[in-house]
Amino acid sequence: DAAHPPAQPASGIALMLCAVGCFAAADTLGKILVADYPALQL
């Protein structure tokens, strides 16, 4: 956190899109797995 890189809005937006894509993918995979396994185990 001590580092303060210069603003890079294009790369920040790209990373945000990748992040929310991962969240949606994890939710989709979680929906598949929670049908067979307890939520706490997952």
PDB file of all heavy atoms in Angstrom:
ATOM      1  N   ASP A   1       0.820  -1.193   0.000  1.00  0.00           N
ATOM      2  CA  ASP A   1       0.000   0.000   0.000  1.00  0.00           C
ATOM      3  C   ASP A   1       0.857   1.247   0.000  1.00  0.00           C
ATOM      4  O   ASP A   1       0.407   2.341  -0.320  1.00  0.00           O
ATOM      5  CB  ASP A   1      -0.925   0.020   1.222  1.00  0.00           C
ATOM      6  CG  ASP A   1      -2.101  -0.887   1.023  1.00  0.00           C
ATOM      7  OD1 ASP A   1      -2.391  -1.297  -0.095  1.00  0.00           O
ATOM      8  OD2 ASP A   1      -2.754  -1.157   2.026  1.00  0.00           O
ATOM      9  N   ALA A   2       2.106   1.103   0.379  1.00  0.00           N
ATOM     10  CA  ALA A   2       2.970   2.262   0.388  1.00  0.00           C
ATOM     11  C   ALA A   2       3.268   2.755  -0.997  1.00  0.00           C
ATOM     12  O   ALA A   2       3.632   3.902  -1.211  1.00  0.00           O
ATOM     13  CB  ALA A   2       4.263   1.926   1.123  1.00  0.00           C
ATOM     14  N   ALA A   3       3.140   1.862  -1.979  1.00  0.00           N
ATOM     15  CA  ALA A   3       3.394   2.252  -3.363  1.00  0.00           C
ATOM     16  C   ALA A   3       2.167   2.932  -3.931  1.00  0.00           C
ATOM     17  O   ALA A   3       1.049   2.528  -3.690  1.00  0.00           O
ATOM     18  CB  ALA A   3       3.730   1.010  -4.196  1.00  0.00           C
ATOM     19  N   HIS A   4       2.400   3.996  -4.715  1.00  0.00           N
ATOM     20  CA  HIS A   4       1.308   4.727  -5.327  1.00  0.00           C
ATOM     21  C   HIS A   4       1.576   4.840  -6.820  1.00  0.00           C
ATOM     22  O   HIS A   4       2.132   5.831  -7.278  1.00  0.00           O
ATOM     23  CB  HIS A   4       1.162   6.114  -4.699  1.00  0.00           C
ATOM     24  CG  HIS A   4       0.809   6.063  -3.247  1.00  0.00           C
ATOM     25  ND1 HIS A   4      -0.458   5.793  -2.799  1.00  0.00           N
ATOM     26  CD2 HIS A   4       1.568   6.234  -2.134  1.00  0.00           C
ATOM     27  CE1 HIS A   4      -0.481   5.810  -1.470  1.00  0.00           C
ATOM     28  NE2 HIS A   4       0.735   6.070  -1.054  1.00  0.00           N
ATOM     29  N   PRO A   5       1.231   3.828  -7.593  1.00  0.00           N
ATOM     30  CA  PRO A   5       1.498   3.869  -9.015  1.00  0.00           C
ATOM     31  C   PRO A   5       0.659   4.946  -9.679  1.00  0.00           C
ATOM     32  O   PRO A   5      -0.394   5.321  -9.174  1.00  0.00           O
ATOM     33  CB  PRO A   5       1.069   2.472  -9.495  1.00  0.00           C
ATOM     34  CG  PRO A   5       0.087   2.008  -8.476  1.00  0.00           C
ATOM     35  CD  PRO A   5       0.510   2.602  -7.189  1.00  0.00           C
ATOM     36  N   PRO A   6       1.127   5.485 -10.808  1.00  0.00           N
ATOM     37  CA  PRO A   6       0.340   6.500 -11.506  1.00  0.00           C
ATOM     38  C   PRO A   6      -0.989   5.933 -11.972  1.00  0.00           C
ATOM     39  O   PRO A   6      -1.148   4.730 -12.153  1.00  0.00           O
ATOM     40  CB  PRO A   6       1.237   6.874 -12.700  1.00  0.00           C
ATOM     41  CG  PRO A   6       2.139   5.693 -12.887  1.00  0.00           C
ATOM     42  CD  PRO A   6       2.362   5.138 -11.515  1.00  0.00           C
ATOM     43  N   ALA A   7      -1.955   6.847 -12.129  1.00  0.00           N
ATOM     44  CA  ALA A   7      -3.283   6.417 -12.557  1.00  0.00           C
ATOM     45  C   ALA A   7      -3.215   5.739 -13.919  1.00  0.00           C
ATOM     46  O   ALA A   7      -2.595   6.248 -14.845  1.00  0.00           O
ATOM     47  CB  ALA A   7      -4.218   7.619 -12.613  1.00  0.00           C
ATOM     48  N   GLN A   8      -3.836   4.580 -14.015  1.00  0.00           N
ATOM     49  CA  GLN A   8      -3.897   3.826 -15.265  1.00  0.00           C
ATOM     50  C   GLN A   8      -5.346   3.361 -15.449  1.00  0.00           C
ATOM     51  O   GLN A   8      -5.664   2.199 -15.233  1.00  0.00           O
ATOM     52  CB  GLN A   8      -2.957   2.627 -15.218  1.00  0.00           C
ATOM     53  CG  GLN A   8      -1.499   2.989 -14.929  1.00  0.00           C
ATOM     54  CD  GLN A   8      -0.652   1.756 -14.673  1.00  0.00           C
ATOM     55  OE1 GLN A   8      -0.786   0.746 -15.353  1.00  0.00           O
ATOM     56  NE2 GLN A   8       0.215   1.822 -13.686  1.00  0.00           N
ATOM     57  N   PRO A   9      -6.232   4.290 -15.830  1.00  0.00           N
ATOM     58  CA  PRO A   9      -7.651   3.939 -15.869  1.00  0.00           C
ATOM     59  C   PRO A   9      -7.983   2.781 -16.795  1.00  0.00           C
ATOM     60  O   PRO A   9      -8.843   1.960 -16.481  1.00  0.00           O
ATOM     61  CB  PRO A   9      -8.321   5.240 -16.328  1.00  0.00           C
ATOM     62  CG  PRO A   9      -7.228   6.063 -16.928  1.00  0.00           C
ATOM     63  CD  PRO A   9      -5.980   5.682 -16.199  1.00  0.00           C
ATOM     64  N   ALA A  10      -7.309   2.684 -17.938  1.00  0.00           N
ATOM     65  CA  ALA A  10      -7.622   1.606 -18.879  1.00  0.00           C
ATOM     66  C   ALA A  10      -7.312   0.240 -18.267  1.00  0.00           C
ATOM     67  O   ALA A  10      -8.138  -0.688 -18.337  1.00  0.00           O
ATOM     68  CB  ALA A  10      -6.849   1.795 -20.180  1.00  0.00           C
ATOM     69  N   SER A  11      -6.140   0.107 -17.643  1.00  0.00           N
ATOM     70  CA  SER A  11      -5.794  -1.174 -17.026  1.00  0.00           C
ATOM     71  C   SER A  11      -6.654  -1.433 -15.791  1.00  0.00           C
ATOM     72  O   SER A  11      -6.991  -2.582 -15.489  1.00  0.00           O
ATOM     73  CB  SER A  11      -4.309  -1.206 -16.645  1.00  0.00           C
ATOM     74  OG  SER A  11      -4.007  -0.219 -15.682  1.00  0.00           O
ATOM     75  N   GLY A  12      -7.033  -0.363 -15.065  1.00  0.00           N
ATOM     76  CA  GLY A  12      -7.920  -0.528 -13.916  1.00  0.00           C
ATOM     77  C   GLY A  12      -9.274  -1.066 -14.339  1.00  0.00           C
ATOM     78  O   GLY A  12      -9.828  -1.968 -13.694  1.00  0.00           O
ATOM     79  N   ILE A  13      -9.816  -0.532 -15.429  1.00  0.00           N
ATOM     80  CA  ILE A  13     -11.108  -1.003 -15.941  1.00  0.00           C
ATOM     81  C   ILE A  13     -11.001  -2.452 -16.403  1.00  0.00           C
ATOM     82  O   ILE A  13     -11.884  -3.279 -16.140  1.00  0.00           O
ATOM     83  CB  ILE A  13     -11.595  -0.094 -17.082  1.00  0.00           C
ATOM     84  CG1 ILE A  13     -11.978   1.279 -16.531  1.00  0.00           C
ATOM     85  CG2 ILE A  13     -12.773  -0.724 -17.825  1.00  0.00           C
ATOM     86  CD1 ILE A  13     -12.225   2.318 -17.595  1.00  0.00           C
ATOM     87  N   ALA A  14      -9.905  -2.781 -17.090  1.00  0.00           N
ATOM     88  CA  ALA A  14      -9.704  -4.158 -17.548  1.00  0.00           C
ATOM     89  C   ALA A  14      -9.640  -5.124 -16.371  1.00  0.00           C
ATOM     90  O   ALA A  14     -10.230  -6.216 -16.406  1.00  0.00           O
ATOM     91  CB  ALA A  14      -8.432  -4.244 -18.393  1.00  0.00           C
ATOM     92  N   LEU A  15      -8.928  -4.727 -15.314  1.00  0.00           N
ATOM     93  CA  LEU A  15      -8.839  -5.575 -14.127  1.00  0.00           C
ATOM     94  C   LEU A  15     -10.197  -5.714 -13.443  1.00  0.00           C
ATOM     95  O   LEU A  15     -10.550  -6.799 -12.961  1.00  0.00           O
ATOM     96  CB  LEU A  15      -7.814  -4.998 -13.148  1.00  0.00           C
ATOM     97  CG  LEU A  15      -6.353  -5.230 -13.519  1.00  0.00           C
ATOM     98  CD1 LEU A  15      -5.443  -4.312 -12.706  1.00  0.00           C
ATOM     99  CD2 LEU A  15      -5.959  -6.689 -13.277  1.00  0.00           C
ATOM    100  N   MET A  16     -10.968  -4.631 -13.403  1.00  0.00           N
ATOM    101  CA  MET A  16     -12.302  -4.696 -12.809  1.00  0.00           C
ATOM    102  C   MET A  16     -13.190  -5.667 -13.589  1.00  0.00           C
ATOM    103  O   MET A  16     -13.911  -6.488 -12.996  1.00  0.00           O
ATOM    104  CB  MET A  16     -12.932  -3.307 -12.784  1.00  0.00           C
ATOM    105  CG  MET A  16     -14.396  -3.289 -12.344  1.00  0.00           C
ATOM    106  SD  MET A  16     -14.671  -3.930 -10.667  1.00  0.00           S
ATOM    107  CE  MET A  16     -14.177  -2.508  -9.692  1.00  0.00           C
ATOM    108  N   LEU A  17     -13.138  -5.611 -14.917  1.00  0.00           N
ATOM    109  CA  LEU A  17     -13.933  -6.523 -15.729  1.00  0.00           C
ATOM    110  C   LEU A  17     -13.512  -7.978 -15.495  1.00  0.00           C
ATOM    111  O   LEU A  17     -14.357  -8.873 -15.412  1.00  0.00           O
ATOM    112  CB  LEU A  17     -13.808  -6.158 -17.205  1.00  0.00           C
ATOM    113  CG  LEU A  17     -14.438  -4.819 -17.614  1.00  0.00           C
ATOM    114  CD1 LEU A  17     -14.127  -4.511 -19.075  1.00  0.00           C
ATOM    115  CD2 LEU A  17     -15.949  -4.844 -17.391  1.00  0.00           C
ATOM    116  N   CYS A  18     -12.203  -8.201 -15.393  1.00  0.00           N
ATOM    117  CA  CYS A  18     -11.721  -9.557 -15.111  1.00  0.00           C
ATOM    118  C   CYS A  18     -12.176 -10.017 -13.723  1.00  0.00           C
ATOM    119  O   CYS A  18     -12.564 -11.184 -13.538  1.00  0.00           O
ATOM    120  CB  CYS A  18     -10.198  -9.606 -15.200  1.00  0.00           C
ATOM    121  SG  CYS A  18      -9.542  -9.445 -16.873  1.00  0.00           S
ATOM    122  N   ALA A  19     -12.138  -9.100 -12.747  1.00  0.00           N
ATOM    123  CA  ALA A  19     -12.535  -9.446 -11.380  1.00  0.00           C
ATOM    124  C   ALA A  19     -14.002  -9.840 -11.313  1.00  0.00           C
ATOM    125  O   ALA A  19     -14.347 -10.894 -10.755  1.00  0.00           O
ATOM    126  CB  ALA A  19     -12.259  -8.269 -10.441  1.00  0.00           C
ATOM    127  N   VAL A  20     -14.885  -9.021 -11.884  1.00  0.00           N
ATOM    128  CA  VAL A  20     -16.321  -9.343 -11.799  1.00  0.00           C
ATOM    129  C   VAL A  20     -16.654 -10.565 -12.648  1.00  0.00           C
ATOM    130  O   VAL A  20     -17.597 -11.310 -12.335  1.00  0.00           O
ATOM    131  CB  VAL A  20     -17.192  -8.133 -12.188  1.00  0.00           C
ATOM    132  CG1 VAL A  20     -16.948  -6.980 -11.232  1.00  0.00           C
ATOM    133  CG2 VAL A  20     -16.969  -7.698 -13.620  1.00  0.00           C
ATOM    134  N   GLY A  21     -15.873 -10.801 -13.709  1.00  0.00           N
ATOM    135  CA  GLY A  21     -16.035 -12.034 -14.469  1.00  0.00           C
ATOM    136  C   GLY A  21     -15.712 -13.242 -13.607  1.00  0.00           C
ATOM    137  O   GLY A  21     -16.426 -14.262 -13.649  1.00  0.00           O
ATOM    138  N   CYS A  22     -14.656 -13.130 -12.793  1.00  0.00           N
ATOM    139  CA  CYS A  22     -14.307 -14.214 -11.873  1.00  0.00           C
ATOM    140  C   CYS A  22     -15.398 -14.421 -10.832  1.00  0.00           C
ATOM    141  O   CYS A  22     -15.748 -15.564 -10.499  1.00  0.00           O
ATOM    142  CB  CYS A  22     -12.980 -13.903 -11.177  1.00  0.00           C
ATOM    143  SG  CYS A  22     -11.518 -14.132 -12.207  1.00  0.00           S
ATOM    144  N   PHE A  23     -15.953 -13.323 -10.318  1.00  0.00           N
ATOM    145  CA  PHE A  23     -17.013 -13.454  -9.313  1.00  0.00           C
ATOM    146  C   PHE A  23     -18.233 -14.169  -9.896  1.00  0.00           C
ATOM    147  O   PHE A  23     -18.830 -15.034  -9.240  1.00  0.00           O
ATOM    148  CB  PHE A  23     -17.426 -12.073  -8.791  1.00  0.00           C
ATOM    149  CG  PHE A  23     -16.335 -11.350  -8.050  1.00  0.00           C
ATOM    150  CD1 PHE A  23     -16.292  -9.964  -8.033  1.00  0.00           C
ATOM    151  CD2 PHE A  23     -15.358 -12.048  -7.363  1.00  0.00           C
ATOM    152  CE1 PHE A  23     -15.293  -9.290  -7.355  1.00  0.00           C
ATOM    153  CE2 PHE A  23     -14.340 -11.393  -6.679  1.00  0.00           C
ATOM    154  CZ  PHE A  23     -14.311 -10.004  -6.672  1.00  0.00           C
ATOM    155  N   ALA A  24     -18.613 -13.807 -11.125  1.00  0.00           N
ATOM    156  CA  ALA A  24     -19.757 -14.469 -11.767  1.00  0.00           C
ATOM    157  C   ALA A  24     -19.456 -15.937 -12.034  1.00  0.00           C
ATOM    158  O   ALA A  24     -20.329 -16.804 -11.867  1.00  0.00           O
ATOM    159  CB  ALA A  24     -20.110 -13.750 -13.067  1.00  0.00           C
ATOM    160  N   ALA A  25     -18.218 -16.231 -12.453  1.00  0.00           N
ATOM    161  CA  ALA A  25     -17.834 -17.621 -12.700  1.00  0.00           C
ATOM    162  C   ALA A  25     -17.856 -18.426 -11.402  1.00  0.00           C
ATOM    163  O   ALA A  25     -18.306 -19.586 -11.374  1.00  0.00           O
ATOM    164  CB  ALA A  25     -16.447 -17.672 -13.337  1.00  0.00           C
ATOM    165  N   ALA A  26     -17.369 -17.824 -10.295  1.00  0.00           N
ATOM    166  CA  ALA A  26     -17.378 -18.514  -9.005  1.00  0.00           C
ATOM    167  C   ALA A  26     -18.811 -18.772  -8.540  1.00  0.00           C
ATOM    168  O   ALA A  26     -19.109 -19.841  -7.994  1.00  0.00           O
ATOM    169  CB  ALA A  26     -16.618 -17.690  -7.965  1.00  0.00           C
ATOM    170  N   ASP A  27     -19.708 -17.803  -8.754  1.00  0.00           N
ATOM    171  CA  ASP A  27     -21.111 -18.008  -8.381  1.00  0.00           C
ATOM    172  C   ASP A  27     -21.739 -19.147  -9.192  1.00  0.00           C
ATOM    173  O   ASP A  27     -22.498 -19.961  -8.662  1.00  0.00           O
ATOM    174  CB  ASP A  27     -21.907 -16.723  -8.606  1.00  0.00           C
ATOM    175  CG  ASP A  27     -21.634 -15.669  -7.547  1.00  0.00           C
ATOM    176  OD1 ASP A  27     -21.117 -16.033  -6.475  1.00  0.00           O
ATOM    177  OD2 ASP A  27     -21.934 -14.480  -7.793  1.00  0.00           O
ATOM    178  N   THR A  28     -21.415 -19.182 -10.488  1.00  0.00           N
ATOM    179  CA  THR A  28     -21.960 -20.240 -11.341  1.00  0.00           C
ATOM    180  C   THR A  28     -21.452 -21.611 -10.908  1.00  0.00           C
ATOM    181  O   THR A  28     -22.220 -22.574 -10.797  1.00  0.00           O
ATOM    182  CB  THR A  28     -21.592 -19.986 -12.813  1.00  0.00           C
ATOM    183  OG1 THR A  28     -22.059 -18.686 -13.205  1.00  0.00           O
ATOM    184  CG2 THR A  28     -22.215 -21.030 -13.728  1.00  0.00           C
ATOM    185  N   LEU A  29     -20.146 -21.691 -10.657  1.00  0.00           N
ATOM    186  CA  LEU A  29     -19.568 -22.951 -10.191  1.00  0.00           C
ATOM    187  C   LEU A  29     -20.115 -23.319  -8.819  1.00  0.00           C
ATOM    188  O   LEU A  29     -20.397 -24.494  -8.540  1.00  0.00           O
ATOM    189  CB  LEU A  29     -18.048 -22.839 -10.160  1.00  0.00           C
ATOM    190  CG  LEU A  29     -17.255 -24.098  -9.801  1.00  0.00           C
ATOM    191  CD1 LEU A  29     -17.613 -25.254 -10.720  1.00  0.00           C
ATOM    192  CD2 LEU A  29     -15.748 -23.808  -9.863  1.00  0.00           C
ATOM    193  N   GLY A  30     -20.285 -22.309  -7.961  1.00  0.00           N
ATOM    194  CA  GLY A  30     -20.848 -22.563  -6.634  1.00  0.00           C
ATOM    195  C   GLY A  30     -22.253 -23.108  -6.710  1.00  0.00           C
ATOM    196  O   GLY A  30     -22.630 -23.989  -5.929  1.00  0.00           O
ATOM    197  N   LYS A  31     -23.058 -22.608  -7.643  1.00  0.00           N
ATOM    198  CA  LYS A  31     -24.428 -23.110  -7.794  1.00  0.00           C
ATOM    199  C   LYS A  31     -24.425 -24.588  -8.183  1.00  0.00           C
ATOM    200  O   LYS A  31     -25.265 -25.364  -7.715  1.00  0.00           O
ATOM    201  CB  LYS A  31     -25.187 -22.288  -8.841  1.00  0.00           C
ATOM    202  CG  LYS A  31     -26.618 -22.775  -9.037  1.00  0.00           C
ATOM    203  CD  LYS A  31     -27.431 -21.858  -9.899  1.00  0.00           C
ATOM    204  CE  LYS A  31     -28.858 -22.397 -10.077  1.00  0.00           C
ATOM    205  NZ  LYS A  31     -29.567 -22.552  -8.792  1.00  0.00           N
ATOM    206  N   ILE A  32     -23.474 -24.958  -9.049  1.00  0.00           N
ATOM    207  CA  ILE A  32     -23.381 -26.360  -9.453  1.00  0.00           C
ATOM    208  C   ILE A  32     -22.980 -27.240  -8.270  1.00  0.00           C
ATOM    209  O   ILE A  32     -23.585 -28.289  -8.007  1.00  0.00           O
ATOM    210  CB  ILE A  32     -22.371 -26.516 -10.611  1.00  0.00           C
ATOM    211  CG1 ILE A  32     -22.868 -25.776 -11.860  1.00  0.00           C
ATOM    212  CG2 ILE A  32     -22.133 -27.995 -10.923  1.00  0.00           C
ATOM    213  CD1 ILE A  32     -21.845 -25.691 -12.968  1.00  0.00           C
ATOM    214  N   LEU A  33     -21.959 -26.804  -7.517  1.00  0.00           N
ATOM    215  CA  LEU A  33     -21.416 -27.623  -6.431  1.00  0.00           C
ATOM    216  C   LEU A  33     -22.335 -27.690  -5.221  1.00  0.00           C
ATOM    217  O   LEU A  33     -22.386 -28.720  -4.533  1.00  0.00           O
ATOM    218  CB  LEU A  33     -20.046 -27.080  -6.015  1.00  0.00           C
ATOM    219  CG  LEU A  33     -18.930 -27.243  -7.049  1.00  0.00           C
ATOM    220  CD1 LEU A  33     -17.683 -26.486  -6.622  1.00  0.00           C
ATOM    221  CD2 LEU A  33     -18.597 -28.721  -7.245  1.00  0.00           C
ATOM    222  N   VAL A  34     -23.073 -26.597  -4.944  1.00  0.00           N
ATOM    223  CA  VAL A  34     -23.891 -26.583  -3.734  1.00  0.00           C
ATOM    224  C   VAL A  34     -25.075 -27.540  -3.849  1.00  0.00           C
ATOM    225  O   VAL A  34     -25.720 -27.864  -2.840  1.00  0.00           O
ATOM    226  CB  VAL A  34     -24.378 -25.143  -3.440  1.00  0.00           C
ATOM    227  CG1 VAL A  34     -25.580 -24.763  -4.305  1.00  0.00           C
ATOM    228  CG2 VAL A  34     -24.699 -24.969  -1.957  1.00  0.00           C
ATOM    229  N   ALA A  35     -25.351 -28.027  -5.039  1.00  0.00           N
ATOM    230  CA  ALA A  35     -26.398 -29.038  -5.199  1.00  0.00           C
ATOM    231  C   ALA A  35     -25.964 -30.386  -4.628  1.00  0.00           C
ATOM    232  O   ALA A  35     -26.805 -31.225  -4.293  1.00  0.00           O
ATOM    233  CB  ALA A  35     -26.763 -29.189  -6.679  1.00  0.00           C
ATOM    234  N   ASP A  36     -24.635 -30.594  -4.506  1.00  0.00           N
ATOM    235  CA  ASP A  36     -24.116 -31.889  -4.038  1.00  0.00           C
ATOM    236  C   ASP A  36     -23.366 -31.812  -2.721  1.00  0.00           C
ATOM    237  O   ASP A  36     -23.152 -32.852  -2.082  1.00  0.00           O
ATOM    238  CB  ASP A  36     -23.174 -32.481  -5.097  1.00  0.00           C
ATOM    239  CG  ASP A  36     -23.876 -32.763  -6.407  1.00  0.00           C
ATOM    240  OD1 ASP A  36     -25.010 -33.272  -6.364  1.00  0.00           O
ATOM    241  OD2 ASP A  36     -23.297 -32.464  -7.475  1.00  0.00           O
ATOM    242  N   TYR A  37     -22.932 -30.598  -2.334  1.00  0.00           N
ATOM    243  CA  TYR A  37     -22.117 -30.463  -1.126  1.00  0.00           C
ATOM    244  C   TYR A  37     -22.680 -29.375  -0.220  1.00  0.00           C
ATOM    245  O   TYR A  37     -23.240 -28.389  -0.701  1.00  0.00           O
ATOM    246  CB  TYR A  37     -20.668 -30.122  -1.490  1.00  0.00           C
ATOM    247  CG  TYR A  37     -19.965 -31.209  -2.271  1.00  0.00           C
ATOM    248  CD1 TYR A  37     -19.842 -31.115  -3.653  1.00  0.00           C
ATOM    249  CD2 TYR A  37     -19.450 -32.324  -1.628  1.00  0.00           C
ATOM    250  CE1 TYR A  37     -19.209 -32.120  -4.371  1.00  0.00           C
ATOM    251  CE2 TYR A  37     -18.822 -33.334  -2.341  1.00  0.00           C
ATOM    252  CZ  TYR A  37     -18.700 -33.226  -3.712  1.00  0.00           C
ATOM    253  OH  TYR A  37     -18.086 -34.223  -4.423  1.00  0.00           O
ATOM    254  N   PRO A  38     -22.508 -29.531   1.113  1.00  0.00           N
ATOM    255  CA  PRO A  38     -22.952 -28.486   2.043  1.00  0.00           C
ATOM    256  C   PRO A  38     -22.204 -27.173   1.790  1.00  0.00           C
ATOM    257  O   PRO A  38     -21.015 -27.175   1.443  1.00  0.00           O
ATOM    258  CB  PRO A  38     -22.596 -29.064   3.424  1.00  0.00           C
ATOM    259  CG  PRO A  38     -22.462 -30.537   3.211  1.00  0.00           C
ATOM    260  CD  PRO A  38     -21.940 -30.703   1.811  1.00  0.00           C
ATOM    261  N   ALA A  39     -22.901 -26.064   1.975  1.00  0.00           N
ATOM    262  CA  ALA A  39     -22.290 -24.752   1.738  1.00  0.00           C
ATOM    263  C   ALA A  39     -21.062 -24.551   2.615  1.00  0.00           C
ATOM    264  O   ALA A  39     -20.049 -23.987   2.167  1.00  0.00           O
ATOM    265  CB  ALA A  39     -23.320 -23.654   1.996  1.00  0.00           C
ATOM    266  N   LEU A  40     -21.103 -25.009   3.857  1.00  0.00           N
ATOM    267  CA  LEU A  40     -19.974 -24.803   4.765  1.00  0.00           C
ATOM    268  C   LEU A  40     -18.745 -25.583   4.310  1.00  0.00           C
ATOM    269  O   LEU A  40     -17.609 -25.130   4.496  1.00  0.00           O
ATOM    270  CB  LEU A  40     -20.371 -25.206   6.184  1.00  0.00           C
ATOM    271  CG  LEU A  40     -21.354 -24.249   6.873  1.00  0.00           C
ATOM    272  CD1 LEU A  40     -21.889 -24.863   8.165  1.00  0.00           C
ATOM    273  CD2 LEU A  40     -20.680 -22.912   7.161  1.00  0.00           C
ATOM    274  N   GLN A  41     -18.934 -26.753   3.722  1.00  0.00           N
ATOM    275  CA  GLN A  41     -17.797 -27.499   3.188  1.00  0.00           C
ATOM    276  C   GLN A  41     -17.176 -26.760   2.010  1.00  0.00           C
ATOM    277  O   GLN A  41     -15.951 -26.669   1.899  1.00  0.00           O
ATOM    278  CB  GLN A  41     -18.230 -28.899   2.759  1.00  0.00           C
ATOM    279  CG  GLN A  41     -17.093 -29.732   2.187  1.00  0.00           C
ATOM    280  CD  GLN A  41     -17.505 -31.164   1.880  1.00  0.00           C
ATOM    281  OE1 GLN A  41     -18.516 -31.645   2.389  1.00  0.00           O
ATOM    282  NE2 GLN A  41     -16.731 -31.856   1.062  1.00  0.00           N
ATOM    283  N   LEU A  42     -18.009 -26.231   1.137  1.00  0.00           N
ATOM    284  CA  LEU A  42     -17.494 -25.458   0.001  1.00  0.00           C
ATOM    285  C   LEU A  42     -16.741 -24.225   0.477  1.00  0.00           C
ATOM    286  O   LEU A  42     -15.694 -23.870  -0.085  1.00  0.00           O
ATOM    287  CB  LEU A  42     -18.648 -25.053  -0.918  1.00  0.00           C
ATOM    288  CG  LEU A  42     -19.422 -26.181  -1.595  1.00  0.00           C
ATOM    289  CD1 LEU A  42     -20.538 -25.614  -2.462  1.00  0.00           C
ATOM    290  CD2 LEU A  42     -18.481 -27.042  -2.456  1.00  0.00           C
TER     291      LEU A  42
END
